[in-house]
C-alpha atoms as a PDB file:
ATOM      1  CA  MET A   1     -36.834  -8.460 -31.632  1.00  0.00           C
ATOM      2  CA  GLN A   2     -37.772  -9.439 -28.083  1.00  0.00           C
ATOM      3  CA  GLN A   3     -37.184  -7.143 -25.136  1.00  0.00           C
ATOM      4  CA  LEU A   4     -36.652  -8.676 -21.700  1.00  0.00           C
ATOM      5  CA  ASN A   5     -38.297  -7.096 -18.676  1.00  0.00           C
ATOM      6  CA  THR A   6     -36.359  -6.654 -15.424  1.00  0.00           C
ATOM      7  CA  GLN A   7     -37.544  -9.950 -13.947  1.00  0.00           C
ATOM      8  CA  GLN A   8     -36.538 -11.885 -17.082  1.00  0.00           C
ATOM      9  CA  GLN A   9     -33.120 -10.199 -17.132  1.00  0.00           C
ATOM     10  CA  GLN A  10     -32.439 -10.939 -13.461  1.00  0.00           C
ATOM     11  CA  ALA A  11     -33.405 -14.608 -13.887  1.00  0.00           C
ATOM     12  CA  LEU A  12     -30.505 -14.913 -16.342  1.00  0.00           C
ATOM     13  CA  MET A  13     -27.918 -12.821 -14.461  1.00  0.00           C
ATOM     14  CA  SER A  14     -25.196 -13.735 -11.965  1.00  0.00           C
ATOM     15  CA  ASP A  15     -26.031 -13.004  -8.326  1.00  0.00           C
ATOM     16  CA  TYR A  16     -22.873 -10.967  -7.798  1.00  0.00           C
ATOM     17  CA  LEU A  17     -23.976  -8.534 -10.509  1.00  0.00           C
ATOM     18  CA  GLN A  18     -27.587  -8.286  -9.337  1.00  0.00           C
ATOM     19  CA  LYS A  19     -26.719  -7.650  -5.702  1.00  0.00           C
ATOM     20  CA  GLY A  20     -23.909  -5.193  -6.304  1.00  0.00           C
ATOM     21  CA  TRP A  21     -20.621  -5.989  -7.967  1.00  0.00           C
ATOM     22  CA  LYS A  22     -17.428  -5.280  -6.023  1.00  0.00           C
ATOM     23  CA  GLN A  23     -18.728  -6.606  -2.715  1.00  0.00           C
ATOM     24  CA  GLU A  24     -15.306  -8.076  -2.132  1.00  0.00           C
ATOM     25  CA  VAL A  25     -12.081  -7.152  -0.413  1.00  0.00           C
ATOM     26  CA  MET A  26      -8.760  -8.381  -1.766  1.00  0.00           C
ATOM     27  CA  GLU A  27      -5.157  -7.404  -1.147  1.00  0.00           C
ATOM     28  CA  PHE A  28      -1.657  -8.369  -2.171  1.00  0.00           C
ATOM     29  CA  SER A  29      -0.042 -10.544   0.475  1.00  0.00           C
ATOM     30  CA  SER A  30       3.255 -10.162  -1.406  1.00  0.00           C
ATOM     31  CA  VAL A  31       4.732  -8.761  -4.606  1.00  0.00           C
ATOM     32  CA  HIS A  32       8.089  -9.920  -6.001  1.00  0.00           C
ATOM     33  CA  LEU A  33       9.898  -8.151  -8.856  1.00  0.00           C
ATOM     34  CA  GLU A  34      12.949  -8.601 -11.011  1.00  0.00           C
ATOM     35  CA  PRO A  35      13.769  -7.207 -14.439  1.00  0.00           C
ATOM     36  CA  GLY A  36      11.199  -8.551 -16.881  1.00  0.00           C
ATOM     37  CA  TYR A  37       9.049 -10.299 -14.260  1.00  0.00           C
ATOM     38  CA  ILE A  38       6.538  -9.649 -11.483  1.00  0.00           C
ATOM     39  CA  LYS A  39       4.580 -12.025  -9.274  1.00  0.00           C
ATOM     40  CA  GLY A  40       1.792 -11.038  -6.913  1.00  0.00           C
ATOM     41  CA  LEU A  41       0.027 -13.203  -4.366  1.00  0.00           C
ATOM     42  CA  ILE A  42      -3.501 -12.101  -3.530  1.00  0.00           C
ATOM     43  CA  ASP A  43      -5.592 -12.931  -0.475  1.00  0.00           C
ATOM     44  CA  VAL A  44      -9.372 -12.633  -0.691  1.00  0.00           C
ATOM     45  CA  LYS A  45     -10.505 -11.140   2.616  1.00  0.00           C
ATOM     46  CA  TYR A  46     -14.230 -10.863   1.891  1.00  0.00           C
ATOM     47  CA  PHE A  47     -16.516 -11.922  -0.949  1.00  0.00           C
ATOM     48  CA  GLN A  48     -20.175 -12.414  -1.694  1.00  0.00           C
ATOM     49  CA  MET A  49     -20.936 -16.145  -1.844  1.00  0.00           C
ATOM     50  CA  PRO A  50     -22.318 -17.136  -5.241  1.00  0.00           C
ATOM     51  CA  GLY A  51     -25.440 -19.247  -5.643  1.00  0.00           C
ATOM     52  CA  ASP A  52     -23.505 -22.511  -5.997  1.00  0.00           C
ATOM     53  CA  GLY A  53     -21.805 -22.021  -2.596  1.00  0.00           C
ATOM     54  CA  GLU A  54     -18.244 -21.944  -3.937  1.00  0.00           C
ATOM     55  CA  PHE A  55     -16.008 -18.879  -4.326  1.00  0.00           C
ATOM     56  CA  HIS A  56     -15.072 -17.975  -7.900  1.00  0.00           C
ATOM     57  CA  PHE A  57     -12.284 -15.461  -8.590  1.00  0.00           C
ATOM     58  CA  SER A  58     -14.087 -13.565 -11.353  1.00  0.00           C
ATOM     59  CA  ALA A  59     -12.484 -12.577 -14.644  1.00  0.00           C
ATOM     60  CA  GLN A  60     -13.338  -8.950 -13.828  1.00  0.00           C
ATOM     61  CA  SER A  61     -11.451  -9.081 -10.531  1.00  0.00           C
ATOM     62  CA  ALA A  62      -8.533 -10.891 -12.157  1.00  0.00           C
ATOM     63  CA  MET A  63      -8.264  -8.140 -14.797  1.00  0.00           C
ATOM     64  CA  ILE A  64      -8.170  -5.462 -12.098  1.00  0.00           C
ATOM     65  CA  TRP A  65      -5.366  -7.201 -10.168  1.00  0.00           C
ATOM     66  CA  ILE A  66      -3.408  -8.097 -13.308  1.00  0.00           C
ATOM     67  CA  SER A  67      -3.622  -4.451 -14.396  1.00  0.00           C
ATOM     68  CA  GLN A  68      -2.433  -3.368 -10.956  1.00  0.00           C
ATOM     69  CA  LEU A  69       0.590  -5.654 -11.259  1.00  0.00           C
ATOM     70  CA  GLY A  70       1.392  -4.030 -14.612  1.00  0.00           C
ATOM     71  CA  ILE A  71       1.196  -0.573 -13.034  1.00  0.00           C
ATOM     72  CA  ILE A  72       3.422  -1.613 -10.135  1.00  0.00           C
ATOM     73  CA  TYR A  73       5.937  -3.146 -12.533  1.00  0.00           C
ATOM     74  CA  GLY A  74       5.938  -0.092 -14.819  1.00  0.00           C
ATOM     75  CA  CYS A  75       6.549   2.262 -11.885  1.00  0.00           C
ATOM     76  CA  TRP A  76       9.269   0.021 -10.443  1.00  0.00           C
ATOM     77  CA  ASP A  77      10.916  -0.387 -13.848  1.00  0.00           C
ATOM     78  CA  ASN A  78      11.065   3.399 -14.221  1.00  0.00           C
ATOM     79  CA  GLN A  79      12.466   3.875 -10.688  1.00  0.00           C
ATOM     80  CA  LEU A  80       9.332   5.651  -9.430  1.00  0.00           C
ATOM     81  CA  GLU A  81       8.747   5.437  -5.693  1.00  0.00           C
ATOM     82  CA  THR A  82       5.108   6.461  -6.043  1.00  0.00           C
ATOM     83  CA  LYS A  83       2.627   6.321  -8.871  1.00  0.00           C
ATOM     84  CA  ALA A  84       2.935   9.683 -10.597  1.00  0.00           C
ATOM     85  CA  GLY A  85      -0.634   9.855 -11.941  1.00  0.00           C
ATOM     86  CA  GLU A  86      -3.388   7.851 -13.492  1.00  0.00           C
ATOM     87  CA  VAL A  87      -2.560   5.000 -15.831  1.00  0.00           C
ATOM     88  CA  TYR A  88      -4.877   4.413 -18.759  1.00  0.00           C
ATOM     89  CA  LEU A  89      -5.162   0.928 -20.188  1.00  0.00           C
ATOM     90  CA  ARG A  90      -5.204   1.029 -23.974  1.00  0.00           C
ATOM     91  CA  ASP A  91      -5.266  -2.651 -24.787  1.00  0.00           C
ATOM     92  CA  ILE A  92      -5.502  -5.924 -22.919  1.00  0.00           C
ATOM     93  CA  ASP A  93      -5.579  -9.492 -24.175  1.00  0.00           C
ATOM     94  CA  LEU A  94      -6.033 -12.143 -21.503  1.00  0.00           C
ATOM     95  CA  LYS A  95      -6.785 -15.851 -21.481  1.00  0.00           C
ATOM     96  CA  PHE A  96      -8.187 -17.489 -18.388  1.00  0.00           C
ATOM     97  CA  LYS A  97      -7.117 -21.131 -18.536  1.00  0.00           C
ATOM     98  CA  ARG A  98      -8.962 -22.440 -15.469  1.00  0.00           C
ATOM     99  CA  THR A  99     -11.251 -21.416 -12.650  1.00  0.00           C
ATOM    100  CA  ILE A 100      -9.795 -20.176  -9.379  1.00  0.00           C
ATOM    101  CA  ASN A 101     -11.685 -21.159  -6.253  1.00  0.00           C
ATOM    102  CA  LYS A 102      -9.095 -20.620  -3.516  1.00  0.00           C
ATOM    103  CA  THR A 103      -9.050 -17.435  -1.445  1.00  0.00           C
ATOM    104  CA  GLU A 104      -5.448 -17.333  -0.204  1.00  0.00           C
ATOM    105  CA  GLN A 105      -2.165 -16.933  -2.046  1.00  0.00           C
ATOM    106  CA  VAL A 106      -3.798 -16.627  -5.476  1.00  0.00           C
ATOM    107  CA  SER A 107      -0.822 -16.195  -7.791  1.00  0.00           C
ATOM    108  CA  PHE A 108      -0.633 -13.864 -10.794  1.00  0.00           C
ATOM    109  CA  GLU A 109       2.548 -13.389 -12.834  1.00  0.00           C
ATOM    110  CA  GLY A 110       3.627 -10.957 -15.528  1.00  0.00           C
ATOM    111  CA  PHE A 111       6.502 -11.264 -17.973  1.00  0.00           C
ATOM    112  CA  PHE A 112       7.894  -8.168 -19.714  1.00  0.00           C
ATOM    113  CA  PRO A 113      10.589  -8.886 -22.322  1.00  0.00           C
ATOM    114  CA  LYS A 114      13.030  -6.017 -22.936  1.00  0.00           C
ATOM    115  CA  HIS A 115      11.990  -5.644 -26.559  1.00  0.00           C
ATOM    116  CA  CYS A 116       8.424  -4.877 -25.398  1.00  0.00           C
ATOM    117  CA  LYS A 117       9.490  -1.556 -23.877  1.00  0.00           C
ATOM    118  CA  LYS A 118       9.225   1.729 -25.727  1.00  0.00           C
ATOM    119  CA  GLU A 119      10.909   4.904 -24.528  1.00  0.00           C
ATOM    120  CA  ILE A 120       8.428   7.793 -24.660  1.00  0.00           C
ATOM    121  CA  ILE A 121      10.502  10.417 -22.875  1.00  0.00           C
ATOM    122  CA  ARG A 122      14.224  10.182 -22.210  1.00  0.00           C
ATOM    123  CA  GLY A 123      14.650   7.827 -19.275  1.00  0.00           C
ATOM    124  CA  PHE A 124      10.966   6.870 -19.082  1.00  0.00           C
ATOM    125  CA  SER A 125       9.590   3.855 -20.900  1.00  0.00           C
ATOM    126  CA  VAL A 126       6.231   2.150 -21.233  1.00  0.00           C
ATOM    127  CA  LEU A 127       5.337  -1.453 -21.838  1.00  0.00           C
ATOM    128  CA  GLN A 128       3.737  -2.134 -25.153  1.00  0.00           C
ATOM    129  CA  ARG A 129       2.118  -5.123 -26.738  1.00  0.00           C
ATOM    130  CA  CYS A 130       4.663  -7.219 -28.545  1.00  0.00           C
ATOM    131  CA  LYS A 131       4.450  -9.276 -31.645  1.00  0.00           C
ATOM    132  CA  ASN A 132       6.052 -12.721 -31.770  1.00  0.00           C
ATOM    133  CA  ASN A 133       4.130 -14.046 -28.736  1.00  0.00           C
ATOM    134  CA  CYS A 134       5.636 -11.820 -26.042  1.00  0.00           C
END
């Protein structure tokens, strides 16, 4: 088995990980909700330019913002005006179909069919992973 030294590792790594991940600032420019659906538009305010000179919305950042949309939807769906505590992600299954290079009005959507909700306490439900391609 071969062990890579620091220089060998860094030669194979992405710049944004070597120079400090999370050197970016993003925010929702808008969030729209209706029963079973949420859409968020994200503006990228600051980012570290990658080596190829073109912005890439990373899968890691997308997961963070998609998770945040799920939290917002879950709170809204349960008529909470503020997030009551921490939310722990138990499972996530995402497919990224294409690269995102724009920095304004990046759109993420979530769909939550009624049969994907599970009541855990009277009047309070959680979203759960559904079978049958939900």
